[in-house]
Amino acid sequence: QVQLVDSGGGLVQAGNSLRLSCAASGRTSSGYATGWFRQAPGKEREFVAYINWSGGYILYADSVKGRFTISRDNAKNMVYLQMNSLKPEDTAVYYCTWGRPSVATMKAVRSYDYWGQGTQVTVSS
């Protein structure tokens, strides 16, 4: 089992930045990729970013490309999502997740095994 704790959310004005953190514990063996997803009220959970175990492969949703940066520190069992130039449409609960998806399924919620509790990000205009 892997336990994930998301943190770093908050209320910010449009154009500002936030850094989300995901702390992992338990059986954090190598090979797990990490994804960030988000869910706005009344909407389905959607893919935001992906990073593989080594950090050598990263993928972003088109809506956040150029503004968000995903990174990880395996020695500390931490994953981060740096969010810059935030927009009101970025408002959502953000979830960290670990799993072993294939290249074809890395954007799918069902491809991940462990989820954090979520952290609320609210961007005011």
Protein backbone atom coordinates (compact mmCIF):
# COMPACT_ATOMS: atom_id res chain seq x y z
CA GLN A 1 0.00 0.00 0.00
CA VAL A 2 1.02 3.57 -0.70
CA GLN A 3 -0.40 6.49 1.24
CA LEU A 4 -0.49 9.92 -0.39
CA VAL A 5 -1.06 13.28 1.27
CA ASP A 6 -1.74 16.32 -0.90
CA SER A 7 -1.08 19.83 0.34
CA GLY A 8 -0.41 23.37 -0.79
CA GLY A 9 -3.78 24.47 -2.08
CA GLY A 10 -5.38 27.78 -1.25
CA LEU A 11 -7.12 30.91 -2.48
CA VAL A 12 -5.16 33.11 -4.88
CA GLN A 13 -5.86 35.84 -7.38
CA ALA A 14 -5.59 35.20 -11.09
CA GLY A 15 -2.05 35.49 -12.34
CA ASN A 16 -0.48 34.30 -9.11
CA SER A 17 1.21 31.01 -8.29
CA LEU A 18 0.82 28.01 -6.01
CA ARG A 19 2.96 24.96 -5.39
CA LEU A 20 1.22 21.71 -4.58
CA SER A 21 3.02 18.91 -2.80
CA CYS A 22 2.34 15.19 -2.60
CA ALA A 23 3.99 13.20 0.17
CA ALA A 24 4.13 9.44 -0.29
CA SER A 25 4.66 6.79 2.36
CA GLY A 26 4.36 3.05 2.64
CA ARG A 27 5.54 0.71 -0.10
CA THR A 28 7.01 3.40 -2.32
CA SER A 29 9.02 1.06 -4.47
CA SER A 30 10.55 2.22 -7.70
CA GLY A 31 8.56 2.13 -10.89
CA TYR A 32 5.54 4.12 -9.82
CA ALA A 33 4.59 7.02 -12.03
CA THR A 34 2.75 9.99 -10.61
CA GLY A 35 -0.13 11.95 -11.98
CA TRP A 36 -1.96 15.09 -10.93
CA PHE A 37 -5.66 15.28 -11.67
CA ARG A 38 -8.27 17.88 -10.81
CA GLN A 39 -12.00 17.97 -10.38
CA ALA A 40 -14.15 21.07 -10.54
CA PRO A 41 -17.70 21.14 -9.13
CA GLY A 42 -20.11 19.32 -11.41
CA LYS A 43 -17.34 18.08 -13.67
CA GLU A 44 -15.47 14.83 -14.11
CA ARG A 45 -11.97 14.37 -12.76
CA GLU A 46 -9.49 15.37 -15.44
CA PHE A 47 -5.83 14.78 -16.17
CA VAL A 48 -3.41 17.62 -15.45
CA ALA A 49 0.14 16.26 -15.53
CA TYR A 50 2.19 13.06 -15.49
CA ILE A 51 5.76 12.20 -14.57
CA ASN A 52 7.38 8.79 -14.70
CA TRP A 53 9.56 7.36 -11.94
CA SER A 54 12.85 8.65 -13.30
CA GLY A 55 11.44 12.03 -14.23
CA GLY A 56 12.55 11.52 -17.80
CA TYR A 57 9.07 11.51 -19.28
CA ILE A 58 6.58 14.29 -18.54
CA LEU A 59 3.23 15.07 -20.05
CA TYR A 60 0.79 17.95 -19.52
CA ALA A 61 -2.78 18.64 -20.41
CA ASP A 62 -3.01 21.28 -23.12
CA SER A 63 -4.87 23.57 -20.75
CA VAL A 64 -1.89 23.85 -18.37
CA LYS A 65 1.06 23.45 -20.72
CA GLY A 66 3.56 26.27 -20.29
CA ARG A 67 2.09 27.30 -16.92
CA PHE A 68 2.40 24.19 -14.72
CA THR A 69 5.52 22.18 -13.95
CA ILE A 70 5.54 18.71 -12.41
CA SER A 71 8.61 17.38 -10.63
CA ARG A 72 9.58 14.70 -8.13
CA ASP A 73 12.22 13.93 -5.52
CA ASN A 74 12.31 10.16 -5.07
CA ALA A 75 14.78 10.36 -2.19
CA LYS A 76 12.16 12.30 -0.23
CA ASN A 77 9.14 10.50 -1.70
CA MET A 78 7.75 13.84 -2.82
CA VAL A 79 6.05 15.05 -5.99
CA TYR A 80 5.33 18.68 -6.75
CA LEU A 81 3.12 20.69 -9.07
CA GLN A 82 4.24 24.27 -9.57
CA MET A 83 1.33 26.27 -10.92
CA ASN A 84 2.03 29.70 -12.40
CA SER A 85 -0.20 32.24 -14.13
CA LEU A 86 -3.24 30.73 -12.51
CA LYS A 87 -6.64 31.33 -14.07
CA PRO A 88 -10.14 31.14 -12.58
CA GLU A 89 -10.75 28.03 -14.69
CA ASP A 90 -7.98 26.28 -12.76
CA THR A 91 -10.24 26.27 -9.71
CA ALA A 92 -10.72 22.66 -8.60
CA VAL A 93 -9.74 20.04 -6.08
CA TYR A 94 -6.33 18.71 -7.10
CA TYR A 95 -5.37 15.08 -6.50
CA CYS A 96 -2.02 13.36 -6.55
CA THR A 97 -2.04 9.77 -7.71
CA TRP A 98 0.45 6.93 -8.12
CA GLY A 99 0.25 4.01 -10.49
CA ARG A 100 1.84 2.15 -13.36
CA PRO A 101 -0.12 3.28 -16.41
CA SER A 102 0.95 2.53 -19.93
CA VAL A 103 1.72 5.31 -22.38
CA ALA A 104 -1.74 4.85 -23.82
CA THR A 105 -3.54 5.10 -20.48
CA MET A 106 -1.62 7.68 -18.48
CA LYS A 107 -4.43 10.22 -18.77
CA ALA A 108 -7.08 7.82 -17.47
CA VAL A 109 -8.29 7.93 -13.88
CA ARG A 110 -8.72 4.14 -13.84
CA SER A 111 -5.02 3.61 -14.57
CA TYR A 112 -3.88 4.71 -11.12
CA ASP A 113 -3.90 2.72 -7.91
CA TYR A 114 -3.42 5.22 -5.09
CA TRP A 115 -4.91 8.67 -4.55
CA GLY A 116 -4.36 11.54 -2.18
CA GLN A 117 -7.22 13.16 -0.32
CA GLY A 118 -7.16 16.22 -2.56
CA THR A 119 -6.32 19.86 -1.96
CA GLN A 120 -8.58 22.77 -2.94
CA VAL A 121 -7.27 25.41 -5.32
CA THR A 122 -9.44 28.50 -5.79
CA VAL A 123 -8.45 31.23 -8.22
CA SER A 124 -10.36 34.49 -8.05
CA SER A 125 -10.64 36.88 -10.98
